[in-house]
Protein backbone atom coordinates (compact mmCIF):
# COMPACT_ATOMS: atom_id res chain seq x y z
CA UNK A 1 226.63 68.14 56.96
CA UNK A 2 225.73 71.73 57.77
CA UNK A 3 227.73 73.24 54.89
CA UNK A 4 225.90 71.21 52.25
CA UNK A 5 222.49 72.15 50.89
CA UNK A 6 220.70 69.80 48.51
CA UNK A 7 217.92 71.34 46.43
CA UNK A 8 215.82 68.48 45.09
CA UNK A 9 213.92 70.33 42.37
CA UNK A 10 211.43 67.88 40.87
CA UNK A 11 213.57 64.84 41.68
CA UNK A 12 212.30 62.33 44.24
CA UNK A 13 214.43 62.49 47.39
CA UNK A 14 216.10 59.20 48.32
CA UNK A 15 218.55 58.32 51.05
CA UNK A 16 220.89 56.69 48.51
CA UNK A 17 221.16 59.88 46.42
CA UNK A 18 221.52 62.02 49.54
CA UNK A 19 224.32 59.79 50.88
CA UNK A 20 226.11 59.90 47.52
CA UNK A 21 225.93 63.71 47.41
CA UNK A 22 227.21 64.00 51.00
CA UNK A 23 230.11 61.63 50.27
CA UNK A 24 231.10 63.65 47.21
CA UNK A 25 230.66 66.91 49.15
CA UNK A 26 232.92 65.67 51.95
CA UNK A 27 235.80 65.25 49.48
CA UNK A 28 235.18 68.71 48.00
CA UNK A 29 235.03 70.37 51.44
CA UNK A 30 238.18 68.54 52.57
CA UNK A 31 239.96 69.84 49.48
CA UNK A 32 238.57 73.38 50.00
CA UNK A 33 238.47 73.86 53.81
CA UNK A 34 237.78 77.61 53.54
CA UNK A 35 234.49 76.99 51.70
CA UNK A 36 231.44 78.35 53.46
CA UNK A 37 228.91 76.11 51.68
CA UNK A 38 228.22 73.75 48.81
CA UNK A 39 224.85 74.01 47.11
CA UNK A 40 223.80 71.02 45.03
CA UNK A 41 220.73 71.40 42.81
CA UNK A 42 219.26 68.23 41.32
CA UNK A 43 216.61 68.35 38.62
CA UNK A 44 214.88 66.30 35.98
CA UNK A 45 215.52 67.66 32.50
CA UNK A 46 213.79 64.96 30.47
CA UNK A 47 211.49 62.68 32.46
CA UNK A 48 210.85 59.00 31.83
CA UNK A 49 207.33 59.86 30.60
CA UNK A 50 208.58 62.10 27.77
CA UNK A 51 210.16 61.05 24.52
CA UNK A 52 213.88 60.47 24.42
CA UNK A 53 216.39 59.46 27.08
CA UNK A 54 215.53 60.32 30.71
CA UNK A 55 218.01 63.01 31.74
CA UNK A 56 218.87 64.64 35.05
CA UNK A 57 220.83 67.79 35.74
CA UNK A 58 223.25 68.49 38.57
CA UNK A 59 224.33 72.02 39.42
CA UNK A 60 227.00 72.50 42.08
CA UNK A 61 228.09 75.81 43.52
CA UNK A 62 230.95 75.98 46.01
CA UNK A 63 230.93 79.21 47.97
CA UNK A 64 234.40 80.45 48.82
CA UNK A 65 235.68 83.56 50.61
CA UNK A 66 236.36 86.78 48.68
CA UNK A 67 233.84 86.01 45.92
CA UNK A 68 235.97 83.13 44.60
CA UNK A 69 232.91 80.87 44.13
CA UNK A 70 233.11 78.04 41.60
CA UNK A 71 230.20 76.33 39.90
CA UNK A 72 229.46 73.63 37.41
CA UNK A 73 226.44 72.24 35.60
CA UNK A 74 226.28 68.68 34.28
CA UNK A 75 223.56 66.62 32.58
CA UNK A 76 223.24 62.90 32.06
CA UNK A 77 221.08 59.80 32.03
CA UNK A 78 222.85 58.27 35.07
CA UNK A 79 222.36 60.56 38.08
CA UNK A 80 225.19 59.05 40.14
CA UNK A 81 227.66 59.39 37.24
CA UNK A 82 226.48 62.97 36.68
CA UNK A 83 226.99 63.83 40.37
CA UNK A 84 230.54 62.39 40.15
CA UNK A 85 231.26 64.42 36.99
CA UNK A 86 230.06 67.59 38.74
CA UNK A 87 232.24 66.78 41.76
CA UNK A 88 235.30 66.27 39.52
CA UNK A 89 234.62 69.57 37.71
CA UNK A 90 234.40 71.45 41.04
CA UNK A 91 237.60 69.79 42.33
CA UNK A 92 239.40 70.69 39.11
CA UNK A 93 238.37 74.36 39.44
CA UNK A 94 239.41 74.45 43.11
CA UNK A 95 242.78 72.88 42.24
CA UNK A 96 243.28 75.46 39.50
CA UNK A 97 242.55 78.31 41.96
CA UNK A 98 244.91 76.76 44.54
CA UNK A 99 247.63 76.51 41.89
CA UNK A 100 247.13 80.23 41.21
CA UNK A 101 247.18 80.90 44.98
CA UNK A 102 243.75 82.53 44.83
CA UNK A 103 242.33 80.53 47.70
């Protein structure tokens, strides 16, 4: 997917995570066809070696024409759930912009 850029940060790259991100991105890009790119940044906030619950962060930025970009930042212990929450937040923002006829 040429419009999707995954920045792995300090997270280990796996095909399963990559596939999940691309599947979520496909839905976002279908919903926002004018988007020029989707940047997904994955990072470890609290690693398994440190005290407390292991936590990952997901930042998504959807680049849209006319500086109408939308972004979200989510954190959680389950990376797949956190990616889905970020996807839902982006879709909600895009829907809101569409309802306002800004896109």
